[in-house]
Amino acid sequence: MEKKQNAKPAKLKIRKGDLVQVIAGDSKGSQGKVLEVIIEKSRVIVEGANMVSKHTKPNATSPNGGIVKQEAAIHISNLMLVDPKSGKATRVGRAKNAAGKLVRVAKKSGEEIK
């Protein structure tokens, strides 16, 4: 399957700095902060989730090299935003606030996501 040349990337409801919960995979149930969002691949790197062992060669920063544990990217469909009010996983909606600006809203509590 070939991608279109000028295809617009999907609108993602999770942003850098959000608190998310992993809902599928080996890290299921773990929560963490979003460190990075890779829009082109619809993937996210979450703090403390989906840890992998990476073998590193000795270099200037790590003279001994060895095995380093680090976070790997998780597909965005395997994550859910954590409701700021209840602390449980919730879907994300969009609504206008008092100033008339479109903001993200937690579907469970109706709370605005900052």
PDB file of N, CA and C in Angstrom:
ATOM      1  N   MET A   1       0.843  -1.187   0.000  1.00  0.00           N
ATOM      2  CA  MET A   1       0.000   0.000   0.000  1.00  0.00           C
ATOM      3  C   MET A   1       0.878   1.238   0.000  1.00  0.00           C
ATOM      4  N   GLU A   2       0.658   2.102  -0.967  1.00  0.00           N
ATOM      5  CA  GLU A   2       1.482   3.297  -1.092  1.00  0.00           C
ATOM      6  C   GLU A   2       0.781   4.495  -0.479  1.00  0.00           C
ATOM      7  N   LYS A   3       1.556   5.333   0.220  1.00  0.00           N
ATOM      8  CA  LYS A   3       0.972   6.530   0.836  1.00  0.00           C
ATOM      9  C   LYS A   3       0.867   7.645  -0.190  1.00  0.00           C
ATOM     10  N   LYS A   4      -0.143   8.492  -0.038  1.00  0.00           N
ATOM     11  CA  LYS A   4      -0.293   9.646  -0.914  1.00  0.00           C
ATOM     12  C   LYS A   4       0.817  10.644  -0.617  1.00  0.00           C
ATOM     13  N   GLN A   5       1.224  11.368  -1.638  1.00  0.00           N
ATOM     14  CA  GLN A   5       2.333  12.316  -1.493  1.00  0.00           C
ATOM     15  C   GLN A   5       1.985  13.456  -0.541  1.00  0.00           C
ATOM     16  N   ASN A   6       0.803  14.023  -0.701  1.00  0.00           N
ATOM     17  CA  ASN A   6       0.413  15.191   0.104  1.00  0.00           C
ATOM     18  C   ASN A   6      -0.600  14.834   1.181  1.00  0.00           C
ATOM     19  N   ALA A   7      -0.576  13.594   1.643  1.00  0.00           N
ATOM     20  CA  ALA A   7      -1.527  13.155   2.662  1.00  0.00           C
ATOM     21  C   ALA A   7      -1.272  13.897   3.971  1.00  0.00           C
ATOM     22  N   LYS A   8      -2.341  14.431   4.548  1.00  0.00           N
ATOM     23  CA  LYS A   8      -2.243  15.172   5.802  1.00  0.00           C
ATOM     24  C   LYS A   8      -2.232  14.177   6.965  1.00  0.00           C
ATOM     25  N   PRO A   9      -1.308  14.342   7.933  1.00  0.00           N
ATOM     26  CA  PRO A   9      -1.299  13.398   9.065  1.00  0.00           C
ATOM     27  C   PRO A   9      -2.571  13.524   9.902  1.00  0.00           C
ATOM     28  N   ALA A  10      -2.950  12.426  10.543  1.00  0.00           N
ATOM     29  CA  ALA A  10      -4.189  12.383  11.328  1.00  0.00           C
ATOM     30  C   ALA A  10      -4.133  13.338  12.513  1.00  0.00           C
ATOM     31  N   LYS A  11      -5.274  13.870  12.921  1.00  0.00           N
ATOM     32  CA  LYS A  11      -5.368  14.745  14.084  1.00  0.00           C
ATOM     33  C   LYS A  11      -5.309  13.854  15.324  1.00  0.00           C
ATOM     34  N   LEU A  12      -4.248  14.001  16.107  1.00  0.00           N
ATOM     35  CA  LEU A  12      -4.065  13.177  17.289  1.00  0.00           C
ATOM     36  C   LEU A  12      -4.624  13.876  18.514  1.00  0.00           C
ATOM     37  N   LYS A  13      -5.220  13.091  19.414  1.00  0.00           N
ATOM     38  CA  LYS A  13      -5.851  13.675  20.594  1.00  0.00           C
ATOM     39  C   LYS A  13      -4.933  13.628  21.801  1.00  0.00           C
ATOM     40  N   ILE A  14      -3.737  13.087  21.621  1.00  0.00           N
ATOM     41  CA  ILE A  14      -2.752  13.023  22.706  1.00  0.00           C
ATOM     42  C   ILE A  14      -1.580  13.914  22.343  1.00  0.00           C
ATOM     43  N   ARG A  15      -1.132  14.707  23.315  1.00  0.00           N
ATOM     44  CA  ARG A  15      -0.035  15.650  23.079  1.00  0.00           C
ATOM     45  C   ARG A  15       1.093  15.421  24.062  1.00  0.00           C
ATOM     46  N   LYS A  16       2.234  16.007  23.763  1.00  0.00           N
ATOM     47  CA  LYS A  16       3.403  15.929  24.643  1.00  0.00           C
ATOM     48  C   LYS A  16       3.048  16.538  26.002  1.00  0.00           C
ATOM     49  N   GLY A  17       3.416  15.837  27.073  1.00  0.00           N
ATOM     50  CA  GLY A  17       3.138  16.325  28.425  1.00  0.00           C
ATOM     51  C   GLY A  17       1.875  15.762  29.045  1.00  0.00           C
ATOM     52  N   ASP A  18       1.027  15.099  28.244  1.00  0.00           N
ATOM     53  CA  ASP A  18      -0.212  14.506  28.770  1.00  0.00           C
ATOM     54  C   ASP A  18       0.094  13.280  29.627  1.00  0.00           C
ATOM     55  N   LEU A  19      -0.783  13.023  30.590  1.00  0.00           N
ATOM     56  CA  LEU A  19      -0.700  11.798  31.393  1.00  0.00           C
ATOM     57  C   LEU A  19      -1.589  10.763  30.712  1.00  0.00           C
ATOM     58  N   VAL A  20      -0.991   9.628  30.310  1.00  0.00           N
ATOM     59  CA  VAL A  20      -1.743   8.599  29.591  1.00  0.00           C
ATOM     60  C   VAL A  20      -1.622   7.256  30.285  1.00  0.00           C
ATOM     61  N   GLN A  21      -2.550   6.356  29.945  1.00  0.00           N
ATOM     62  CA  GLN A  21      -2.533   4.994  30.467  1.00  0.00           C
ATOM     63  C   GLN A  21      -2.453   4.038  29.287  1.00  0.00           C
ATOM     64  N   VAL A  22      -1.612   3.010  29.410  1.00  0.00           N
ATOM     65  CA  VAL A  22      -1.479   2.002  28.362  1.00  0.00           C
ATOM     66  C   VAL A  22      -2.625   1.005  28.528  1.00  0.00           C
ATOM     67  N   ILE A  23      -3.396   0.780  27.446  1.00  0.00           N
ATOM     68  CA  ILE A  23      -4.569  -0.093  27.525  1.00  0.00           C
ATOM     69  C   ILE A  23      -4.361  -1.425  26.818  1.00  0.00           C
ATOM     70  N   ALA A  24      -3.215  -1.598  26.137  1.00  0.00           N
ATOM     71  CA  ALA A  24      -2.937  -2.863  25.449  1.00  0.00           C
ATOM     72  C   ALA A  24      -1.440  -3.077  25.345  1.00  0.00           C
ATOM     73  N   GLY A  25      -1.045  -4.341  25.277  1.00  0.00           N
ATOM     74  CA  GLY A  25       0.368  -4.671  25.122  1.00  0.00           C
ATOM     75  C   GLY A  25       1.012  -5.096  26.428  1.00  0.00           C
ATOM     76  N   ASP A  26       2.339  -5.259  26.402  1.00  0.00           N
ATOM     77  CA  ASP A  26       3.079  -5.739  27.565  1.00  0.00           C
ATOM     78  C   ASP A  26       3.016  -4.777  28.749  1.00  0.00           C
ATOM     79  N   SER A  27       2.920  -3.475  28.477  1.00  0.00           N
ATOM     80  CA  SER A  27       2.897  -2.463  29.539  1.00  0.00           C
ATOM     81  C   SER A  27       1.481  -2.097  29.963  1.00  0.00           C
ATOM     82  N   LYS A  28       0.508  -2.947  29.647  1.00  0.00           N
ATOM     83  CA  LYS A  28      -0.898  -2.655  29.935  1.00  0.00           C
ATOM     84  C   LYS A  28      -1.102  -2.279  31.399  1.00  0.00           C
ATOM     85  N   GLY A  29      -1.836  -1.185  31.621  1.00  0.00           N
ATOM     86  CA  GLY A  29      -2.145  -0.725  32.971  1.00  0.00           C
ATOM     87  C   GLY A  29      -1.199   0.336  33.496  1.00  0.00           C
ATOM     88  N   SER A  30      -0.026   0.467  32.893  1.00  0.00           N
ATOM     89  CA  SER A  30       0.930   1.459  33.399  1.00  0.00           C
ATOM     90  C   SER A  30       0.579   2.857  32.909  1.00  0.00           C
ATOM     91  N   GLN A  31       0.859   3.832  33.764  1.00  0.00           N
ATOM     92  CA  GLN A  31       0.612   5.237  33.428  1.00  0.00           C
ATOM     93  C   GLN A  31       1.930   5.966  33.325  1.00  0.00           C
ATOM     94  N   GLY A  32       1.945   7.019  32.522  1.00  0.00           N
ATOM     95  CA  GLY A  32       3.155   7.812  32.385  1.00  0.00           C
ATOM     96  C   GLY A  32       2.903   9.060  31.573  1.00  0.00           C
ATOM     97  N   LYS A  33       3.885   9.938  31.586  1.00  0.00           N
ATOM     98  CA  LYS A  33       3.807  11.198  30.862  1.00  0.00           C
ATOM     99  C   LYS A  33       4.308  10.992  29.434  1.00  0.00           C
ATOM    100  N   VAL A  34       3.675  11.668  28.472  1.00  0.00           N
ATOM    101  CA  VAL A  34       4.093  11.578  27.078  1.00  0.00           C
ATOM    102  C   VAL A  34       5.364  12.404  26.900  1.00  0.00           C
ATOM    103  N   LEU A  35       6.433  11.748  26.447  1.00  0.00           N
ATOM    104  CA  LEU A  35       7.709  12.426  26.234  1.00  0.00           C
ATOM    105  C   LEU A  35       7.832  12.961  24.812  1.00  0.00           C
ATOM    106  N   GLU A  36       7.277  12.206  23.855  1.00  0.00           N
ATOM    107  CA  GLU A  36       7.414  12.578  22.450  1.00  0.00           C
ATOM    108  C   GLU A  36       6.266  12.001  21.650  1.00  0.00           C
ATOM    109  N   VAL A  37       5.796  12.752  20.649  1.00  0.00           N
ATOM    110  CA  VAL A  37       4.749  12.276  19.749  1.00  0.00           C
ATOM    111  C   VAL A  37       5.330  12.238  18.337  1.00  0.00           C
ATOM    112  N   ILE A  38       5.245  11.070  17.691  1.00  0.00           N
ATOM    113  CA  ILE A  38       5.728  10.909  16.317  1.00  0.00           C
ATOM    114  C   ILE A  38       4.494  10.890  15.423  1.00  0.00           C
ATOM    115  N   ILE A  39       4.123  12.046  14.883  1.00  0.00           N
ATOM    116  CA  ILE A  39       2.866  12.223  14.160  1.00  0.00           C
ATOM    117  C   ILE A  39       2.812  11.354  12.904  1.00  0.00           C
ATOM    118  N   GLU A  40       3.902  11.292  12.142  1.00  0.00           N
ATOM    119  CA  GLU A  40       3.909  10.561  10.866  1.00  0.00           C
ATOM    120  C   GLU A  40       3.578   9.077  11.057  1.00  0.00           C
ATOM    121  N   LYS A  41       4.013   8.499  12.169  1.00  0.00           N
ATOM    122  CA  LYS A  41       3.798   7.070  12.412  1.00  0.00           C
ATOM    123  C   LYS A  41       2.672   6.810  13.407  1.00  0.00           C
ATOM    124  N   SER A  42       2.017   7.846  13.914  1.00  0.00           N
ATOM    125  CA  SER A  42       0.955   7.740  14.929  1.00  0.00           C
ATOM    126  C   SER A  42       1.443   6.986  16.157  1.00  0.00           C
ATOM    127  N   ARG A  43       2.658   7.293  16.587  1.00  0.00           N
ATOM    128  CA  ARG A  43       3.248   6.626  17.742  1.00  0.00           C
ATOM    129  C   ARG A  43       3.658   7.642  18.791  1.00  0.00           C
ATOM    130  N   VAL A  44       3.768   7.145  20.038  1.00  0.00           N
ATOM    131  CA  VAL A  44       4.070   8.006  21.177  1.00  0.00           C
ATOM    132  C   VAL A  44       5.099   7.316  22.051  1.00  0.00           C
ATOM    133  N   ILE A  45       6.002   8.104  22.646  1.00  0.00           N
ATOM    134  CA  ILE A  45       6.939   7.554  23.620  1.00  0.00           C
ATOM    135  C   ILE A  45       6.454   7.987  24.993  1.00  0.00           C
ATOM    136  N   VAL A  46       6.173   6.985  25.863  1.00  0.00           N
ATOM    137  CA  VAL A  46       5.622   7.236  27.188  1.00  0.00           C
ATOM    138  C   VAL A  46       6.676   6.905  28.238  1.00  0.00           C
ATOM    139  N   GLU A  47       6.803   7.789  29.216  1.00  0.00           N
ATOM    140  CA  GLU A  47       7.776   7.634  30.289  1.00  0.00           C
ATOM    141  C   GLU A  47       7.508   6.360  31.097  1.00  0.00           C
ATOM    142  N   GLY A  48       8.479   5.444  31.149  1.00  0.00           N
ATOM    143  CA  GLY A  48       8.374   4.230  31.954  1.00  0.00           C
ATOM    144  C   GLY A  48       7.552   3.109  31.355  1.00  0.00           C
ATOM    145  N   ALA A  49       7.044   3.277  30.133  1.00  0.00           N
ATOM    146  CA  ALA A  49       6.232   2.228  29.511  1.00  0.00           C
ATOM    147  C   ALA A  49       6.944   1.686  28.275  1.00  0.00           C
ATOM    148  N   ASN A  50       6.701   0.417  27.963  1.00  0.00           N
ATOM    149  CA  ASN A  50       7.274  -0.247  26.791  1.00  0.00           C
ATOM    150  C   ASN A  50       8.805  -0.169  26.794  1.00  0.00           C
ATOM    151  N   MET A  51       9.394  -0.579  27.922  1.00  0.00           N
ATOM    152  CA  MET A  51      10.852  -0.536  28.064  1.00  0.00           C
ATOM    153  C   MET A  51      11.507  -1.649  27.236  1.00  0.00           C
ATOM    154  N   VAL A  52      12.579  -1.293  26.522  1.00  0.00           N
ATOM    155  CA  VAL A  52      13.337  -2.262  25.735  1.00  0.00           C
ATOM    156  C   VAL A  52      14.808  -2.171  26.113  1.00  0.00           C
ATOM    157  N   SER A  53      15.540  -3.263  25.899  1.00  0.00           N
ATOM    158  CA  SER A  53      16.975  -3.276  26.153  1.00  0.00           C
ATOM    159  C   SER A  53      17.697  -2.946  24.862  1.00  0.00           C
ATOM    160  N   LYS A  54      18.534  -1.922  24.910  1.00  0.00           N
ATOM    161  CA  LYS A  54      19.295  -1.529  23.731  1.00  0.00           C
ATOM    162  C   LYS A  54      20.763  -1.769  24.006  1.00  0.00           C
ATOM    163  N   HIS A  55      21.426  -2.478  23.096  1.00  0.00           N
ATOM    164  CA  HIS A  55      22.849  -2.755  23.239  1.00  0.00           C
ATOM    165  C   HIS A  55      23.628  -1.593  22.622  1.00  0.00           C
ATOM    166  N   THR A  56      24.522  -0.986  23.412  1.00  0.00           N
ATOM    167  CA  THR A  56      25.267   0.171  22.911  1.00  0.00           C
ATOM    168  C   THR A  56      26.756  -0.131  22.836  1.00  0.00           C
ATOM    169  N   LYS A  57      27.367   0.383  21.792  1.00  0.00           N
ATOM    170  CA  LYS A  57      28.811   0.253  21.632  1.00  0.00           C
ATOM    171  C   LYS A  57      29.484   1.305  22.517  1.00  0.00           C
ATOM    172  N   PRO A  58      30.709   1.056  22.944  1.00  0.00           N
ATOM    173  CA  PRO A  58      31.429   2.086  23.702  1.00  0.00           C
ATOM    174  C   PRO A  58      31.646   3.344  22.838  1.00  0.00           C
ATOM    175  N   ASN A  59      31.371   4.506  23.436  1.00  0.00           N
ATOM    176  CA  ASN A  59      31.613   5.775  22.739  1.00  0.00           C
ATOM    177  C   ASN A  59      32.002   6.833  23.767  1.00  0.00           C
ATOM    178  N   ALA A  60      32.048   8.083  23.364  1.00  0.00           N
ATOM    179  CA  ALA A  60      32.497   9.157  24.258  1.00  0.00           C
ATOM    180  C   ALA A  60      31.565   9.325  25.459  1.00  0.00           C
ATOM    181  N   THR A  61      30.245   9.215  25.239  1.00  0.00           N
ATOM    182  CA  THR A  61      29.303   9.410  26.350  1.00  0.00           C
ATOM    183  C   THR A  61      29.252   8.214  27.286  1.00  0.00           C
ATOM    184  N   SER A  62      29.321   6.988  26.726  1.00  0.00           N
ATOM    185  CA  SER A  62      29.359   5.794  27.584  1.00  0.00           C
ATOM    186  C   SER A  62      30.598   4.969  27.210  1.00  0.00           C
ATOM    187  N   PRO A  63      31.731   5.179  27.932  1.00  0.00           N
ATOM    188  CA  PRO A  63      32.981   4.513  27.559  1.00  0.00           C
ATOM    189  C   PRO A  63      32.935   2.991  27.652  1.00  0.00           C
ATOM    190  N   ASN A  64      32.065   2.434  28.506  1.00  0.00           N
ATOM    191  CA  ASN A  64      31.985   0.982  28.649  1.00  0.00           C
ATOM    192  C   ASN A  64      30.989   0.337  27.700  1.00  0.00           C
ATOM    193  N   GLY A  65      30.024   1.112  27.221  1.00  0.00           N
ATOM    194  CA  GLY A  65      28.960   0.531  26.405  1.00  0.00           C
ATOM    195  C   GLY A  65      28.049  -0.306  27.278  1.00  0.00           C
ATOM    196  N   GLY A  66      27.474  -1.374  26.717  1.00  0.00           N
ATOM    197  CA  GLY A  66      26.637  -2.275  27.506  1.00  0.00           C
ATOM    198  C   GLY A  66      25.184  -2.225  27.095  1.00  0.00           C
ATOM    199  N   ILE A  67      24.326  -2.693  28.002  1.00  0.00           N
ATOM    200  CA  ILE A  67      22.885  -2.769  27.733  1.00  0.00           C
ATOM    201  C   ILE A  67      22.178  -1.649  28.474  1.00  0.00           C
ATOM    202  N   VAL A  68      21.416  -0.861  27.721  1.00  0.00           N
ATOM    203  CA  VAL A  68      20.693   0.285  28.290  1.00  0.00           C
ATOM    204  C   VAL A  68      19.197   0.046  28.145  1.00  0.00           C
ATOM    205  N   LYS A  69      18.437   0.263  29.223  1.00  0.00           N
ATOM    206  CA  LYS A  69      16.973   0.162  29.178  1.00  0.00           C
ATOM    207  C   LYS A  69      16.428   1.520  28.757  1.00  0.00           C
ATOM    208  N   GLN A  70      15.548   1.527  27.747  1.00  0.00           N
ATOM    209  CA  GLN A  70      14.937   2.780  27.326  1.00  0.00           C
ATOM    210  C   GLN A  70      13.531   2.542  26.794  1.00  0.00           C
ATOM    211  N   GLU A  71      12.753   3.631  26.718  1.00  0.00           N
ATOM    212  CA  GLU A  71      11.371   3.539  26.260  1.00  0.00           C
ATOM    213  C   GLU A  71      11.328   3.410  24.741  1.00  0.00           C
ATOM    214  N   ALA A  72      10.432   2.565  24.260  1.00  0.00           N
ATOM    215  CA  ALA A  72      10.193   2.440  22.823  1.00  0.00           C
ATOM    216  C   ALA A  72       8.819   3.037  22.518  1.00  0.00           C
ATOM    217  N   ALA A  73       8.601   3.361  21.256  1.00  0.00           N
ATOM    218  CA  ALA A  73       7.342   3.982  20.845  1.00  0.00           C
ATOM    219  C   ALA A  73       6.183   2.987  20.934  1.00  0.00           C
ATOM    220  N   ILE A  74       5.007   3.508  21.297  1.00  0.00           N
ATOM    221  CA  ILE A  74       3.770   2.716  21.379  1.00  0.00           C
ATOM    222  C   ILE A  74       2.776   3.345  20.411  1.00  0.00           C
ATOM    223  N   HIS A  75       1.985   2.524  19.741  1.00  0.00           N
ATOM    224  CA  HIS A  75       0.978   3.079  18.834  1.00  0.00           C
ATOM    225  C   HIS A  75      -0.081   3.818  19.647  1.00  0.00           C
ATOM    226  N   ILE A  76      -0.555   4.910  19.094  1.00  0.00           N
ATOM    227  CA  ILE A  76      -1.482   5.801  19.806  1.00  0.00           C
ATOM    228  C   ILE A  76      -2.805   5.116  20.145  1.00  0.00           C
ATOM    229  N   SER A  77      -3.171   4.073  19.376  1.00  0.00           N
ATOM    230  CA  SER A  77      -4.418   3.357  19.644  1.00  0.00           C
ATOM    231  C   SER A  77      -4.341   2.531  20.922  1.00  0.00           C
ATOM    232  N   ASN A  78      -3.136   2.290  21.426  1.00  0.00           N
ATOM    233  CA  ASN A  78      -2.953   1.498  22.647  1.00  0.00           C
ATOM    234  C   ASN A  78      -2.876   2.375  23.890  1.00  0.00           C
ATOM    235  N   LEU A  79      -3.199   3.657  23.757  1.00  0.00           N
ATOM    236  CA  LEU A  79      -3.133   4.597  24.871  1.00  0.00           C
ATOM    237  C   LEU A  79      -4.469   5.284  25.071  1.00  0.00           C
ATOM    238  N   MET A  80      -4.727   5.662  26.334  1.00  0.00           N
ATOM    239  CA  MET A  80      -5.899   6.479  26.655  1.00  0.00           C
ATOM    240  C   MET A  80      -5.468   7.571  27.599  1.00  0.00           C
ATOM    241  N   LEU A  81      -6.036   8.735  27.424  1.00  0.00           N
ATOM    242  CA  LEU A  81      -5.725   9.856  28.289  1.00  0.00           C
ATOM    243  C   LEU A  81      -6.293   9.618  29.683  1.00  0.00           C
ATOM    244  N   VAL A  82      -5.589  10.084  30.712  1.00  0.00           N
ATOM    245  CA  VAL A  82      -6.068   9.936  32.090  1.00  0.00           C
ATOM    246  C   VAL A  82      -6.880  11.181  32.454  1.00  0.00           C
ATOM    247  N   ASP A  83      -8.103  10.951  32.958  1.00  0.00           N
ATOM    248  CA  ASP A  83      -9.002  12.038  33.356  1.00  0.00           C
ATOM    249  C   ASP A  83      -8.370  12.843  34.493  1.00  0.00           C
ATOM    250  N   PRO A  84      -8.252  14.170  34.349  1.00  0.00           N
ATOM    251  CA  PRO A  84      -7.633  14.970  35.406  1.00  0.00           C
ATOM    252  C   PRO A  84      -8.437  14.975  36.717  1.00  0.00           C
ATOM    253  N   LYS A  85      -9.749  14.690  36.648  1.00  0.00           N
ATOM    254  CA  LYS A  85     -10.598  14.717  37.846  1.00  0.00           C
ATOM    255  C   LYS A  85     -10.572  13.386  38.594  1.00  0.00           C
ATOM    256  N   SER A  86     -10.862  12.281  37.867  1.00  0.00           N
ATOM    257  CA  SER A  86     -11.003  10.979  38.522  1.00  0.00           C
ATOM    258  C   SER A  86      -9.722  10.144  38.508  1.00  0.00           C
ATOM    259  N   GLY A  87      -8.808  10.426  37.598  1.00  0.00           N
ATOM    260  CA  GLY A  87      -7.587   9.640  37.501  1.00  0.00           C
ATOM    261  C   GLY A  87      -7.761   8.344  36.726  1.00  0.00           C
ATOM    262  N   LYS A  88      -8.916   8.164  36.065  1.00  0.00           N
ATOM    263  CA  LYS A  88      -9.176   6.970  35.270  1.00  0.00           C
ATOM    264  C   LYS A  88      -9.029   7.297  33.788  1.00  0.00           C
ATOM    265  N   ALA A  89      -8.860   6.252  32.974  1.00  0.00           N
ATOM    266  CA  ALA A  89      -8.723   6.430  31.527  1.00  0.00           C
ATOM    267  C   ALA A  89     -10.028   6.955  30.944  1.00  0.00           C
ATOM    268  N   THR A  90      -9.910   7.878  29.997  1.00  0.00           N
ATOM    269  CA  THR A  90     -11.089   8.475  29.379  1.00  0.00           C
ATOM    270  C   THR A  90     -10.843   8.766  27.911  1.00  0.00           C
ATOM    271  N   ARG A  91     -11.929   8.884  27.170  1.00  0.00           N
ATOM    272  CA  ARG A  91     -11.817   9.314  25.778  1.00  0.00           C
ATOM    273  C   ARG A  91     -11.713  10.835  25.761  1.00  0.00           C
ATOM    274  N   VAL A  92     -11.340  11.373  24.607  1.00  0.00           N
ATOM    275  CA  VAL A  92     -11.131  12.813  24.492  1.00  0.00           C
ATOM    276  C   VAL A  92     -12.128  13.390  23.501  1.00  0.00           C
ATOM    277  N   GLY A  93     -12.780  14.480  23.912  1.00  0.00           N
ATOM    278  CA  GLY A  93     -13.678  15.192  23.024  1.00  0.00           C
ATOM    279  C   GLY A  93     -13.182  16.611  22.847  1.00  0.00           C
ATOM    280  N   ARG A  94     -13.898  17.378  22.038  1.00  0.00           N
ATOM    281  CA  ARG A  94     -13.527  18.772  21.848  1.00  0.00           C
ATOM    282  C   ARG A  94     -14.759  19.637  22.060  1.00  0.00           C
ATOM    283  N   ALA A  95     -14.573  20.749  22.777  1.00  0.00           N
ATOM    284  CA  ALA A  95     -15.687  21.659  23.042  1.00  0.00           C
ATOM    285  C   ALA A  95     -15.154  23.070  23.140  1.00  0.00           C
ATOM    286  N   LYS A  96     -16.047  24.034  23.013  1.00  0.00           N
ATOM    287  CA  LYS A  96     -15.638  25.434  23.136  1.00  0.00           C
ATOM    288  C   LYS A  96     -15.698  25.847  24.604  1.00  0.00           C
ATOM    289  N   ASN A  97     -14.671  26.575  25.052  1.00  0.00           N
ATOM    290  CA  ASN A  97     -14.662  27.061  26.435  1.00  0.00           C
ATOM    291  C   ASN A  97     -15.344  28.424  26.511  1.00  0.00           C
ATOM    292  N   ALA A  98     -15.284  29.068  27.672  1.00  0.00           N
ATOM    293  CA  ALA A  98     -15.949  30.358  27.882  1.00  0.00           C
ATOM    294  C   ALA A  98     -15.443  31.430  26.918  1.00  0.00           C
ATOM    295  N   ALA A  99     -14.180  31.341  26.562  1.00  0.00           N
ATOM    296  CA  ALA A  99     -13.593  32.332  25.649  1.00  0.00           C
ATOM    297  C   ALA A  99     -13.909  32.023  24.183  1.00  0.00           C
ATOM    298  N   GLY A 100     -14.596  30.913  23.935  1.00  0.00           N
ATOM    299  CA  GLY A 100     -14.961  30.544  22.572  1.00  0.00           C
ATOM    300  C   GLY A 100     -13.867  29.785  21.842  1.00  0.00           C
ATOM    301  N   LYS A 101     -12.844  29.381  22.564  1.00  0.00           N
ATOM    302  CA  LYS A 101     -11.730  28.642  21.970  1.00  0.00           C
ATOM    303  C   LYS A 101     -12.017  27.147  22.046  1.00  0.00           C
ATOM    304  N   LEU A 102     -11.625  26.396  21.007  1.00  0.00           N
ATOM    305  CA  LEU A 102     -11.829  24.949  20.976  1.00  0.00           C
ATOM    306  C   LEU A 102     -10.768  24.275  21.843  1.00  0.00           C
ATOM    307  N   VAL A 103     -11.205  23.525  22.857  1.00  0.00           N
ATOM    308  CA  VAL A 103     -10.277  22.869  23.786  1.00  0.00           C
ATOM    309  C   VAL A 103     -10.603  21.378  23.875  1.00  0.00           C
ATOM    310  N   ARG A 104      -9.636  20.597  24.348  1.00  0.00           N
ATOM    311  CA  ARG A 104      -9.845  19.162  24.561  1.00  0.00           C
ATOM    312  C   ARG A 104     -10.556  18.964  25.896  1.00  0.00           C
ATOM    313  N   VAL A 105     -11.516  18.019  25.913  1.00  0.00           N
ATOM    314  CA  VAL A 105     -12.337  17.775  27.087  1.00  0.00           C
ATOM    315  C   VAL A 105     -12.362  16.281  27.373  1.00  0.00           C
ATOM    316  N   ALA A 106     -12.276  15.909  28.666  1.00  0.00           N
ATOM    317  CA  ALA A 106     -12.393  14.506  29.065  1.00  0.00           C
ATOM    318  C   ALA A 106     -13.858  14.111  28.997  1.00  0.00           C
ATOM    319  N   LYS A 107     -14.155  13.004  28.304  1.00  0.00           N
ATOM    320  CA  LYS A 107     -15.554  12.578  28.119  1.00  0.00           C
ATOM    321  C   LYS A 107     -16.173  12.112  29.430  1.00  0.00           C
ATOM    322  N   LYS A 108     -15.385  11.530  30.354  1.00  0.00           N
ATOM    323  CA  LYS A 108     -15.942  10.996  31.593  1.00  0.00           C
ATOM    324  C   LYS A 108     -16.438  12.090  32.525  1.00  0.00           C
ATOM    325  N   SER A 109     -15.626  13.137  32.737  1.00  0.00           N
ATOM    326  CA  SER A 109     -15.972  14.162  33.716  1.00  0.00           C
ATOM    327  C   SER A 109     -16.379  15.491  33.087  1.00  0.00           C
ATOM    328  N   GLY A 110     -16.080  15.678  31.818  1.00  0.00           N
ATOM    329  CA  GLY A 110     -16.353  16.964  31.173  1.00  0.00           C
ATOM    330  C   GLY A 110     -15.295  18.009  31.489  1.00  0.00           C
ATOM    331  N   GLU A 111     -14.245  17.597  32.197  1.00  0.00           N
ATOM    332  CA  GLU A 111     -13.167  18.497  32.625  1.00  0.00           C
ATOM    333  C   GLU A 111     -12.282  18.858  31.434  1.00  0.00           C
ATOM    334  N   GLU A 112     -11.855  20.125  31.384  1.00  0.00           N
ATOM    335  CA  GLU A 112     -10.945  20.566  30.321  1.00  0.00           C
ATOM    336  C   GLU A 112      -9.557  19.991  30.562  1.00  0.00           C
ATOM    337  N   ILE A 113      -8.914  19.549  29.469  1.00  0.00           N
ATOM    338  CA  ILE A 113      -7.567  18.979  29.568  1.00  0.00           C
ATOM    339  C   ILE A 113      -6.565  20.072  29.264  1.00  0.00           C
ATOM    340  N   LYS A 114      -5.713  20.342  30.221  1.00  0.00           N
ATOM    341  CA  LYS A 114      -4.749  21.436  30.059  1.00  0.00           C
ATOM    342  C   LYS A 114      -3.488  20.934  29.406  1.00  0.00           C
TER     343      LYS A 114
END
